[in-house]
mmCIF file of all heavy atoms, coordinates in Angstrom:
data_MODEL
# 
_entry.id   MODEL 
# 
loop_
_atom_site.group_PDB 
_atom_site.id 
_atom_site.type_symbol 
_atom_site.label_atom_id 
_atom_site.label_alt_id 
_atom_site.label_comp_id 
_atom_site.label_asym_id 
_atom_site.label_entity_id 
_atom_site.label_seq_id 
_atom_site.pdbx_PDB_ins_code 
_atom_site.Cartn_x 
_atom_site.Cartn_y 
_atom_site.Cartn_z 
_atom_site.occupancy 
_atom_site.B_iso_or_equiv 
_atom_site.pdbx_formal_charge 
_atom_site.auth_seq_id 
_atom_site.auth_comp_id 
_atom_site.auth_asym_id 
_atom_site.auth_atom_id 
_atom_site.pdbx_PDB_model_num 
ATOM 1   N N   . ALA A 1 1  ? 61.564 18.339 78.203 1.00 0.00 ? 1  ALA A N   1 
ATOM 2   C CA  . ALA A 1 1  ? 61.157 18.511 79.597 1.00 0.00 ? 1  ALA A CA  1 
ATOM 3   C C   . ALA A 1 1  ? 61.948 17.593 80.522 1.00 0.00 ? 1  ALA A C   1 
ATOM 4   O O   . ALA A 1 1  ? 62.432 18.018 81.584 1.00 0.00 ? 1  ALA A O   1 
ATOM 5   C CB  . ALA A 1 1  ? 59.659 18.236 79.733 1.00 0.00 ? 1  ALA A CB  1 
ATOM 6   N N   . VAL A 1 2  ? 62.092 16.343 80.122 1.00 0.00 ? 2  VAL A N   1 
ATOM 7   C CA  . VAL A 1 2  ? 62.843 15.379 80.938 1.00 0.00 ? 2  VAL A CA  1 
ATOM 8   C C   . VAL A 1 2  ? 64.307 15.795 81.040 1.00 0.00 ? 2  VAL A C   1 
ATOM 9   O O   . VAL A 1 2  ? 64.932 15.683 82.104 1.00 0.00 ? 2  VAL A O   1 
ATOM 10  C CB  . VAL A 1 2  ? 62.723 13.963 80.336 1.00 0.00 ? 2  VAL A CB  1 
ATOM 11  C CG1 . VAL A 1 2  ? 63.653 12.992 81.065 1.00 0.00 ? 2  VAL A CG1 1 
ATOM 12  C CG2 . VAL A 1 2  ? 61.280 13.467 80.423 1.00 0.00 ? 2  VAL A CG2 1 
ATOM 13  N N   . GLN A 1 3  ? 64.863 16.318 79.947 1.00 0.00 ? 3  GLN A N   1 
ATOM 14  C CA  . GLN A 1 3  ? 66.270 16.722 79.915 1.00 0.00 ? 3  GLN A CA  1 
ATOM 15  C C   . GLN A 1 3  ? 66.569 17.856 80.892 1.00 0.00 ? 3  GLN A C   1 
ATOM 16  O O   . GLN A 1 3  ? 67.657 17.921 81.460 1.00 0.00 ? 3  GLN A O   1 
ATOM 17  C CB  . GLN A 1 3  ? 66.669 17.135 78.501 1.00 0.00 ? 3  GLN A CB  1 
ATOM 18  C CG  . GLN A 1 3  ? 68.173 17.343 78.322 1.00 0.00 ? 3  GLN A CG  1 
ATOM 19  C CD  . GLN A 1 3  ? 68.559 17.486 76.856 1.00 0.00 ? 3  GLN A CD  1 
ATOM 20  O OE1 . GLN A 1 3  ? 67.853 17.023 75.964 1.00 0.00 ? 3  GLN A OE1 1 
ATOM 21  N NE2 . GLN A 1 3  ? 69.687 18.139 76.591 1.00 0.00 ? 3  GLN A NE2 1 
ATOM 22  N N   . ILE A 1 4  ? 65.581 18.737 81.121 1.00 0.00 ? 4  ILE A N   1 
ATOM 23  C CA  . ILE A 1 4  ? 65.804 19.847 82.055 1.00 0.00 ? 4  ILE A CA  1 
ATOM 24  C C   . ILE A 1 4  ? 65.262 19.529 83.453 1.00 0.00 ? 4  ILE A C   1 
ATOM 25  O O   . ILE A 1 4  ? 65.168 20.399 84.306 1.00 0.00 ? 4  ILE A O   1 
ATOM 26  C CB  . ILE A 1 4  ? 65.186 21.164 81.533 1.00 0.00 ? 4  ILE A CB  1 
ATOM 27  C CG1 . ILE A 1 4  ? 63.658 21.045 81.377 1.00 0.00 ? 4  ILE A CG1 1 
ATOM 28  C CG2 . ILE A 1 4  ? 65.826 21.590 80.238 1.00 0.00 ? 4  ILE A CG2 1 
ATOM 29  C CD1 . ILE A 1 4  ? 62.984 22.356 81.003 1.00 0.00 ? 4  ILE A CD1 1 
ATOM 30  N N   . GLY A 1 5  ? 64.888 18.247 83.660 1.00 0.00 ? 5  GLY A N   1 
ATOM 31  C CA  . GLY A 1 5  ? 64.537 17.803 85.007 1.00 0.00 ? 5  GLY A CA  1 
ATOM 32  C C   . GLY A 1 5  ? 63.079 17.912 85.393 1.00 0.00 ? 5  GLY A C   1 
ATOM 33  O O   . GLY A 1 5  ? 62.758 17.951 86.590 1.00 0.00 ? 5  GLY A O   1 
ATOM 34  N N   . ILE A 1 6  ? 62.170 17.941 84.428 1.00 0.00 ? 6  ILE A N   1 
ATOM 35  C CA  . ILE A 1 6  ? 60.735 18.005 84.724 1.00 0.00 ? 6  ILE A CA  1 
ATOM 36  C C   . ILE A 1 6  ? 60.161 16.596 84.710 1.00 0.00 ? 6  ILE A C   1 
ATOM 37  O O   . ILE A 1 6  ? 60.383 15.833 83.770 1.00 0.00 ? 6  ILE A O   1 
ATOM 38  C CB  . ILE A 1 6  ? 59.990 18.881 83.694 1.00 0.00 ? 6  ILE A CB  1 
ATOM 39  C CG1 . ILE A 1 6  ? 60.559 20.301 83.720 1.00 0.00 ? 6  ILE A CG1 1 
ATOM 40  C CG2 . ILE A 1 6  ? 58.494 18.917 83.988 1.00 0.00 ? 6  ILE A CG2 1 
ATOM 41  C CD1 . ILE A 1 6  ? 59.985 21.200 82.649 1.00 0.00 ? 6  ILE A CD1 1 
ATOM 42  N N   . ASP A 1 7  ? 59.425 16.251 85.755 1.00 0.00 ? 7  ASP A N   1 
ATOM 43  C CA  . ASP A 1 7  ? 58.807 14.934 85.842 1.00 0.00 ? 7  ASP A CA  1 
ATOM 44  C C   . ASP A 1 7  ? 57.754 14.788 84.741 1.00 0.00 ? 7  ASP A C   1 
ATOM 45  O O   . ASP A 1 7  ? 56.961 15.711 84.509 1.00 0.00 ? 7  ASP A O   1 
ATOM 46  C CB  . ASP A 1 7  ? 58.140 14.764 87.213 1.00 0.00 ? 7  ASP A CB  1 
ATOM 47  C CG  . ASP A 1 7  ? 57.705 13.341 87.479 1.00 0.00 ? 7  ASP A CG  1 
ATOM 48  O OD1 . ASP A 1 7  ? 56.676 12.937 86.895 1.00 0.00 ? 7  ASP A OD1 1 
ATOM 49  O OD2 . ASP A 1 7  ? 58.377 12.643 88.242 1.00 0.00 ? 7  ASP A OD2 1 
ATOM 50  N N   . PRO A 1 8  ? 57.690 13.644 84.037 1.00 0.00 ? 8  PRO A N   1 
ATOM 51  C CA  . PRO A 1 8  ? 56.701 13.453 82.969 1.00 0.00 ? 8  PRO A CA  1 
ATOM 52  C C   . PRO A 1 8  ? 55.261 13.608 83.445 1.00 0.00 ? 8  PRO A C   1 
ATOM 53  O O   . PRO A 1 8  ? 54.398 14.064 82.683 1.00 0.00 ? 8  PRO A O   1 
ATOM 54  C CB  . PRO A 1 8  ? 56.963 12.012 82.502 1.00 0.00 ? 8  PRO A CB  1 
ATOM 55  C CG  . PRO A 1 8  ? 58.392 11.763 82.833 1.00 0.00 ? 8  PRO A CG  1 
ATOM 56  C CD  . PRO A 1 8  ? 58.645 12.521 84.103 1.00 0.00 ? 8  PRO A CD  1 
ATOM 57  N N   . VAL A 1 9  ? 54.992 13.231 84.705 1.00 0.00 ? 9  VAL A N   1 
ATOM 58  C CA  . VAL A 1 9  ? 53.630 13.381 85.249 1.00 0.00 ? 9  VAL A CA  1 
ATOM 59  C C   . VAL A 1 9  ? 53.295 14.862 85.400 1.00 0.00 ? 9  VAL A C   1 
ATOM 60  O O   . VAL A 1 9  ? 52.212 15.317 85.007 1.00 0.00 ? 9  VAL A O   1 
ATOM 61  C CB  . VAL A 1 9  ? 53.500 12.651 86.603 1.00 0.00 ? 9  VAL A CB  1 
ATOM 62  C CG1 . VAL A 1 9  ? 52.144 12.948 87.255 1.00 0.00 ? 9  VAL A CG1 1 
ATOM 63  C CG2 . VAL A 1 9  ? 53.668 11.145 86.417 1.00 0.00 ? 9  VAL A CG2 1 
ATOM 64  N N   . HIS A 1 10 ? 54.211 15.621 85.954 1.00 0.00 ? 10 HIS A N   1 
ATOM 65  C CA  . HIS A 1 10 ? 54.009 17.064 86.112 1.00 0.00 ? 10 HIS A CA  1 
ATOM 66  C C   . HIS A 1 10 ? 53.850 17.738 84.751 1.00 0.00 ? 10 HIS A C   1 
ATOM 67  O O   . HIS A 1 10 ? 52.969 18.578 84.553 1.00 0.00 ? 10 HIS A O   1 
ATOM 68  C CB  . HIS A 1 10 ? 55.203 17.658 86.873 1.00 0.00 ? 10 HIS A CB  1 
ATOM 69  C CG  . HIS A 1 10 ? 55.160 19.138 87.028 1.00 0.00 ? 10 HIS A CG  1 
ATOM 70  N ND1 . HIS A 1 10 ? 56.269 19.939 86.881 1.00 0.00 ? 10 HIS A ND1 1 
ATOM 71  C CD2 . HIS A 1 10 ? 54.129 19.978 87.288 1.00 0.00 ? 10 HIS A CD2 1 
ATOM 72  C CE1 . HIS A 1 10 ? 55.936 21.192 87.058 1.00 0.00 ? 10 HIS A CE1 1 
ATOM 73  N NE2 . HIS A 1 10 ? 54.641 21.260 87.302 1.00 0.00 ? 10 HIS A NE2 1 
ATOM 74  N N   . PHE A 1 11 ? 54.692 17.345 83.814 1.00 0.00 ? 11 PHE A N   1 
ATOM 75  C CA  . PHE A 1 11 ? 54.624 17.928 82.476 1.00 0.00 ? 11 PHE A CA  1 
ATOM 76  C C   . PHE A 1 11 ? 53.277 17.619 81.819 1.00 0.00 ? 11 PHE A C   1 
ATOM 77  O O   . PHE A 1 11 ? 52.727 18.455 81.092 1.00 0.00 ? 11 PHE A O   1 
ATOM 78  C CB  . PHE A 1 11 ? 55.768 17.394 81.605 1.00 0.00 ? 11 PHE A CB  1 
ATOM 79  C CG  . PHE A 1 11 ? 55.796 17.977 80.222 1.00 0.00 ? 11 PHE A CG  1 
ATOM 80  C CD1 . PHE A 1 11 ? 56.204 19.277 80.011 1.00 0.00 ? 11 PHE A CD1 1 
ATOM 81  C CD2 . PHE A 1 11 ? 55.386 17.231 79.122 1.00 0.00 ? 11 PHE A CD2 1 
ATOM 82  C CE1 . PHE A 1 11 ? 56.220 19.833 78.738 1.00 0.00 ? 11 PHE A CE1 1 
ATOM 83  C CE2 . PHE A 1 11 ? 55.395 17.768 77.850 1.00 0.00 ? 11 PHE A CE2 1 
ATOM 84  C CZ  . PHE A 1 11 ? 55.814 19.078 77.647 1.00 0.00 ? 11 PHE A CZ  1 
ATOM 85  N N   . GLY A 1 12 ? 52.757 16.423 82.068 1.00 0.00 ? 12 GLY A N   1 
ATOM 86  C CA  . GLY A 1 12 ? 51.461 16.050 81.491 1.00 0.00 ? 12 GLY A CA  1 
ATOM 87  C C   . GLY A 1 12 ? 50.341 16.965 81.953 1.00 0.00 ? 12 GLY A C   1 
ATOM 88  O O   . GLY A 1 12 ? 49.493 17.378 81.152 1.00 0.00 ? 12 GLY A O   1 
ATOM 89  N N   . ILE A 1 13 ? 50.327 17.300 83.236 1.00 0.00 ? 13 ILE A N   1 
ATOM 90  C CA  . ILE A 1 13 ? 49.284 18.199 83.759 1.00 0.00 ? 13 ILE A CA  1 
ATOM 91  C C   . ILE A 1 13 ? 49.416 19.587 83.142 1.00 0.00 ? 13 ILE A C   1 
ATOM 92  O O   . ILE A 1 13 ? 48.421 20.212 82.743 1.00 0.00 ? 13 ILE A O   1 
ATOM 93  C CB  . ILE A 1 13 ? 49.369 18.285 85.301 1.00 0.00 ? 13 ILE A CB  1 
ATOM 94  C CG1 . ILE A 1 13 ? 49.207 16.907 85.930 1.00 0.00 ? 13 ILE A CG1 1 
ATOM 95  C CG2 . ILE A 1 13 ? 48.301 19.241 85.838 1.00 0.00 ? 13 ILE A CG2 1 
ATOM 96  C CD1 . ILE A 1 13 ? 47.897 16.221 85.611 1.00 0.00 ? 13 ILE A CD1 1 
ATOM 97  N N   . ILE A 1 14 ? 50.647 20.074 83.044 1.00 0.00 ? 14 ILE A N   1 
ATOM 98  C CA  . ILE A 1 14 ? 50.882 21.391 82.430 1.00 0.00 ? 14 ILE A CA  1 
ATOM 99  C C   . ILE A 1 14 ? 50.399 21.389 80.976 1.00 0.00 ? 14 ILE A C   1 
ATOM 100 O O   . ILE A 1 14 ? 49.714 22.318 80.530 1.00 0.00 ? 14 ILE A O   1 
ATOM 101 C CB  . ILE A 1 14 ? 52.383 21.757 82.477 1.00 0.00 ? 14 ILE A CB  1 
ATOM 102 C CG1 . ILE A 1 14 ? 52.860 21.888 83.909 1.00 0.00 ? 14 ILE A CG1 1 
ATOM 103 C CG2 . ILE A 1 14 ? 52.641 23.056 81.722 1.00 0.00 ? 14 ILE A CG2 1 
ATOM 104 C CD1 . ILE A 1 14 ? 54.369 22.064 84.032 1.00 0.00 ? 14 ILE A CD1 1 
ATOM 105 N N   . LEU A 1 15 ? 50.760 20.345 80.244 1.00 0.00 ? 15 LEU A N   1 
ATOM 106 C CA  . LEU A 1 15 ? 50.403 20.256 78.824 1.00 0.00 ? 15 LEU A CA  1 
ATOM 107 C C   . LEU A 1 15 ? 48.890 20.223 78.631 1.00 0.00 ? 15 LEU A C   1 
ATOM 108 O O   . LEU A 1 15 ? 48.346 20.959 77.797 1.00 0.00 ? 15 LEU A O   1 
ATOM 109 C CB  . LEU A 1 15 ? 51.042 19.007 78.209 1.00 0.00 ? 15 LEU A CB  1 
ATOM 110 C CG  . LEU A 1 15 ? 50.739 18.757 76.721 1.00 0.00 ? 15 LEU A CG  1 
ATOM 111 C CD1 . LEU A 1 15 ? 51.398 19.834 75.862 1.00 0.00 ? 15 LEU A CD1 1 
ATOM 112 C CD2 . LEU A 1 15 ? 51.222 17.376 76.295 1.00 0.00 ? 15 LEU A CD2 1 
ATOM 113 N N   . ILE A 1 16 ? 48.203 19.401 79.413 1.00 0.00 ? 16 ILE A N   1 
ATOM 114 C CA  . ILE A 1 16 ? 46.745 19.251 79.248 1.00 0.00 ? 16 ILE A CA  1 
ATOM 115 C C   . ILE A 1 16 ? 46.030 20.546 79.609 1.00 0.00 ? 16 ILE A C   1 
ATOM 116 O O   . ILE A 1 16 ? 45.111 20.979 78.901 1.00 0.00 ? 16 ILE A O   1 
ATOM 117 C CB  . ILE A 1 16 ? 46.208 18.083 80.095 1.00 0.00 ? 16 ILE A CB  1 
ATOM 118 C CG1 . ILE A 1 16 ? 46.878 16.774 79.697 1.00 0.00 ? 16 ILE A CG1 1 
ATOM 119 C CG2 . ILE A 1 16 ? 44.688 17.973 79.940 1.00 0.00 ? 16 ILE A CG2 1 
ATOM 120 C CD1 . ILE A 1 16 ? 46.814 16.443 78.229 1.00 0.00 ? 16 ILE A CD1 1 
ATOM 121 N N   . LEU A 1 17 ? 46.426 21.188 80.717 1.00 0.00 ? 17 LEU A N   1 
ATOM 122 C CA  . LEU A 1 17 ? 45.786 22.451 81.092 1.00 0.00 ? 17 LEU A CA  1 
ATOM 123 C C   . LEU A 1 17 ? 46.032 23.506 80.016 1.00 0.00 ? 17 LEU A C   1 
ATOM 124 O O   . LEU A 1 17 ? 45.126 24.283 79.674 1.00 0.00 ? 17 LEU A O   1 
ATOM 125 C CB  . LEU A 1 17 ? 46.308 22.932 82.448 1.00 0.00 ? 17 LEU A CB  1 
ATOM 126 C CG  . LEU A 1 17 ? 45.735 24.271 82.965 1.00 0.00 ? 17 LEU A CG  1 
ATOM 127 C CD1 . LEU A 1 17 ? 44.215 24.277 82.897 1.00 0.00 ? 17 LEU A CD1 1 
ATOM 128 C CD2 . LEU A 1 17 ? 46.215 24.555 84.377 1.00 0.00 ? 17 LEU A CD2 1 
ATOM 129 N N   . ASN A 1 18 ? 47.239 23.537 79.472 1.00 0.00 ? 18 ASN A N   1 
ATOM 130 C CA  . ASN A 1 18 ? 47.547 24.432 78.354 1.00 0.00 ? 18 ASN A CA  1 
ATOM 131 C C   . ASN A 1 18 ? 46.567 24.242 77.209 1.00 0.00 ? 18 ASN A C   1 
ATOM 132 O O   . ASN A 1 18 ? 45.992 25.197 76.672 1.00 0.00 ? 18 ASN A O   1 
ATOM 133 C CB  . ASN A 1 18 ? 48.963 24.121 77.839 1.00 0.00 ? 18 ASN A CB  1 
ATOM 134 C CG  . ASN A 1 18 ? 49.957 25.215 78.189 1.00 0.00 ? 18 ASN A CG  1 
ATOM 135 O OD1 . ASN A 1 18 ? 49.768 26.363 77.830 1.00 0.00 ? 18 ASN A OD1 1 
ATOM 136 N ND2 . ASN A 1 18 ? 50.992 24.846 78.906 1.00 0.00 ? 18 ASN A ND2 1 
ATOM 137 N N   . LEU A 1 19 ? 46.382 22.985 76.818 1.00 0.00 ? 19 LEU A N   1 
ATOM 138 C CA  . LEU A 1 19 ? 45.526 22.683 75.678 1.00 0.00 ? 19 LEU A CA  1 
ATOM 139 C C   . LEU A 1 19 ? 44.051 22.918 75.994 1.00 0.00 ? 19 LEU A C   1 
ATOM 140 O O   . LEU A 1 19 ? 43.260 23.203 75.090 1.00 0.00 ? 19 LEU A O   1 
ATOM 141 C CB  . LEU A 1 19 ? 45.742 21.232 75.236 1.00 0.00 ? 19 LEU A CB  1 
ATOM 142 C CG  . LEU A 1 19 ? 47.144 20.937 74.673 1.00 0.00 ? 19 LEU A CG  1 
ATOM 143 C CD1 . LEU A 1 19 ? 47.300 19.457 74.374 1.00 0.00 ? 19 LEU A CD1 1 
ATOM 144 C CD2 . LEU A 1 19 ? 47.407 21.769 73.417 1.00 0.00 ? 19 LEU A CD2 1 
ATOM 145 N N   . MET A 1 20 ? 43.667 22.810 77.266 1.00 0.00 ? 20 MET A N   1 
ATOM 146 C CA  . MET A 1 20 ? 42.280 23.102 77.640 1.00 0.00 ? 20 MET A CA  1 
ATOM 147 C C   . MET A 1 20 ? 41.946 24.575 77.395 1.00 0.00 ? 20 MET A C   1 
ATOM 148 O O   . MET A 1 20 ? 40.815 24.916 77.038 1.00 0.00 ? 20 MET A O   1 
ATOM 149 C CB  . MET A 1 20 ? 42.041 22.758 79.121 1.00 0.00 ? 20 MET A CB  1 
ATOM 150 C CG  . MET A 1 20 ? 41.964 21.275 79.419 1.00 0.00 ? 20 MET A CG  1 
ATOM 151 S SD  . MET A 1 20 ? 40.795 20.388 78.367 1.00 0.00 ? 20 MET A SD  1 
ATOM 152 C CE  . MET A 1 20 ? 41.876 19.660 77.149 1.00 0.00 ? 20 MET A CE  1 
ATOM 153 N N   . LEU A 1 21 ? 42.926 25.429 77.577 1.00 0.00 ? 21 LEU A N   1 
ATOM 154 C CA  . LEU A 1 21 ? 42.701 26.852 77.298 1.00 0.00 ? 21 LEU A CA  1 
ATOM 155 C C   . LEU A 1 21 ? 42.427 27.071 75.819 1.00 0.00 ? 21 LEU A C   1 
ATOM 156 O O   . LEU A 1 21 ? 41.718 28.004 75.440 1.00 0.00 ? 21 LEU A O   1 
ATOM 157 C CB  . LEU A 1 21 ? 43.915 27.678 77.742 1.00 0.00 ? 21 LEU A CB  1 
ATOM 158 C CG  . LEU A 1 21 ? 44.245 27.636 79.233 1.00 0.00 ? 21 LEU A CG  1 
ATOM 159 C CD1 . LEU A 1 21 ? 45.447 28.520 79.542 1.00 0.00 ? 21 LEU A CD1 1 
ATOM 160 C CD2 . LEU A 1 21 ? 43.053 28.061 80.070 1.00 0.00 ? 21 LEU A CD2 1 
ATOM 161 N N   . GLY A 1 22 ? 42.986 26.190 74.981 1.00 0.00 ? 22 GLY A N   1 
ATOM 162 C CA  . GLY A 1 22 ? 42.716 26.274 73.548 1.00 0.00 ? 22 GLY A CA  1 
ATOM 163 C C   . GLY A 1 22 ? 41.264 26.004 73.204 1.00 0.00 ? 22 GLY A C   1 
ATOM 164 O O   . GLY A 1 22 ? 40.771 26.454 72.163 1.00 0.00 ? 22 GLY A O   1 
ATOM 165 N N   . LEU A 1 23 ? 40.564 25.267 74.089 1.00 0.00 ? 23 LEU A N   1 
ATOM 166 C CA  . LEU A 1 23 ? 39.139 25.017 73.861 1.00 0.00 ? 23 LEU A CA  1 
ATOM 167 C C   . LEU A 1 23 ? 38.297 26.272 74.054 1.00 0.00 ? 23 LEU A C   1 
ATOM 168 O O   . LEU A 1 23 ? 37.127 26.303 73.688 1.00 0.00 ? 23 LEU A O   1 
ATOM 169 C CB  . LEU A 1 23 ? 38.638 23.921 74.822 1.00 0.00 ? 23 LEU A CB  1 
ATOM 170 C CG  . LEU A 1 23 ? 39.241 22.526 74.639 1.00 0.00 ? 23 LEU A CG  1 
ATOM 171 C CD1 . LEU A 1 23 ? 38.728 21.591 75.736 1.00 0.00 ? 23 LEU A CD1 1 
ATOM 172 C CD2 . LEU A 1 23 ? 38.888 21.965 73.259 1.00 0.00 ? 23 LEU A CD2 1 
ATOM 173 N N   . LEU A 1 24 ? 38.908 27.300 74.652 1.00 0.00 ? 24 LEU A N   1 
ATOM 174 C CA  . LEU A 1 24 ? 38.187 28.544 74.934 1.00 0.00 ? 24 LEU A CA  1 
ATOM 175 C C   . LEU A 1 24 ? 38.603 29.675 74.014 1.00 0.00 ? 24 LEU A C   1 
ATOM 176 O O   . LEU A 1 24 ? 38.217 30.829 74.225 1.00 0.00 ? 24 LEU A O   1 
ATOM 177 C CB  . LEU A 1 24 ? 38.436 28.975 76.390 1.00 0.00 ? 24 LEU A CB  1 
ATOM 178 C CG  . LEU A 1 24 ? 38.156 27.938 77.476 1.00 0.00 ? 24 LEU A CG  1 
ATOM 179 C CD1 . LEU A 1 24 ? 38.431 28.529 78.851 1.00 0.00 ? 24 LEU A CD1 1 
ATOM 180 C CD2 . LEU A 1 24 ? 36.716 27.442 77.406 1.00 0.00 ? 24 LEU A CD2 1 
ATOM 181 N N   . THR A 1 25 ? 39.411 29.355 73.004 1.00 0.00 ? 25 THR A N   1 
ATOM 182 C CA  . THR A 1 25 ? 39.920 30.398 72.117 1.00 0.00 ? 25 THR A CA  1 
ATOM 183 C C   . THR A 1 25 ? 39.656 30.042 70.657 1.00 0.00 ? 25 THR A C   1 
ATOM 184 O O   . THR A 1 25 ? 39.711 28.871 70.291 1.00 0.00 ? 25 THR A O   1 
ATOM 185 C CB  . THR A 1 25 ? 41.438 30.587 72.315 1.00 0.00 ? 25 THR A CB  1 
ATOM 186 O OG1 . THR A 1 25 ? 42.095 29.324 72.153 1.00 0.00 ? 25 THR A OG1 1 
ATOM 187 C CG2 . THR A 1 25 ? 41.746 31.133 73.697 1.00 0.00 ? 25 THR A CG2 1 
ATOM 188 N N   . PRO A 1 26 ? 39.353 31.028 69.826 1.00 0.00 ? 26 PRO A N   1 
ATOM 189 C CA  . PRO A 1 26 ? 39.185 30.765 68.387 1.00 0.00 ? 26 PRO A CA  1 
ATOM 190 C C   . PRO A 1 26 ? 40.550 30.498 67.751 1.00 0.00 ? 26 PRO A C   1 
ATOM 191 O O   . PRO A 1 26 ? 41.578 30.831 68.357 1.00 0.00 ? 26 PRO A O   1 
ATOM 192 C CB  . PRO A 1 26 ? 38.569 32.082 67.882 1.00 0.00 ? 26 PRO A CB  1 
ATOM 193 C CG  . PRO A 1 26 ? 39.054 33.122 68.858 1.00 0.00 ? 26 PRO A CG  1 
ATOM 194 C CD  . PRO A 1 26 ? 39.149 32.426 70.192 1.00 0.00 ? 26 PRO A CD  1 
ATOM 195 N N   . PRO A 1 27 ? 40.613 29.880 66.586 1.00 0.00 ? 27 PRO A N   1 
ATOM 196 C CA  . PRO A 1 27 ? 39.469 29.502 65.748 1.00 0.00 ? 27 PRO A CA  1 
ATOM 197 C C   . PRO A 1 27 ? 38.874 28.131 66.047 1.00 0.00 ? 27 PRO A C   1 
ATOM 198 O O   . PRO A 1 27 ? 37.773 27.840 65.625 1.00 0.00 ? 27 PRO A O   1 
ATOM 199 C CB  . PRO A 1 27 ? 40.076 29.505 64.338 1.00 0.00 ? 27 PRO A CB  1 
ATOM 200 C CG  . PRO A 1 27 ? 41.498 29.112 64.565 1.00 0.00 ? 27 PRO A CG  1 
ATOM 201 C CD  . PRO A 1 27 ? 41.901 29.716 65.872 1.00 0.00 ? 27 PRO A CD  1 
# 
């Protein structure tokens, strides 16, 4: 992410929201 110019703070929000969706999906 850093190599392609994404701020680590921005990437953190994207990553966490991504993983939150996993809390709503099986298994």
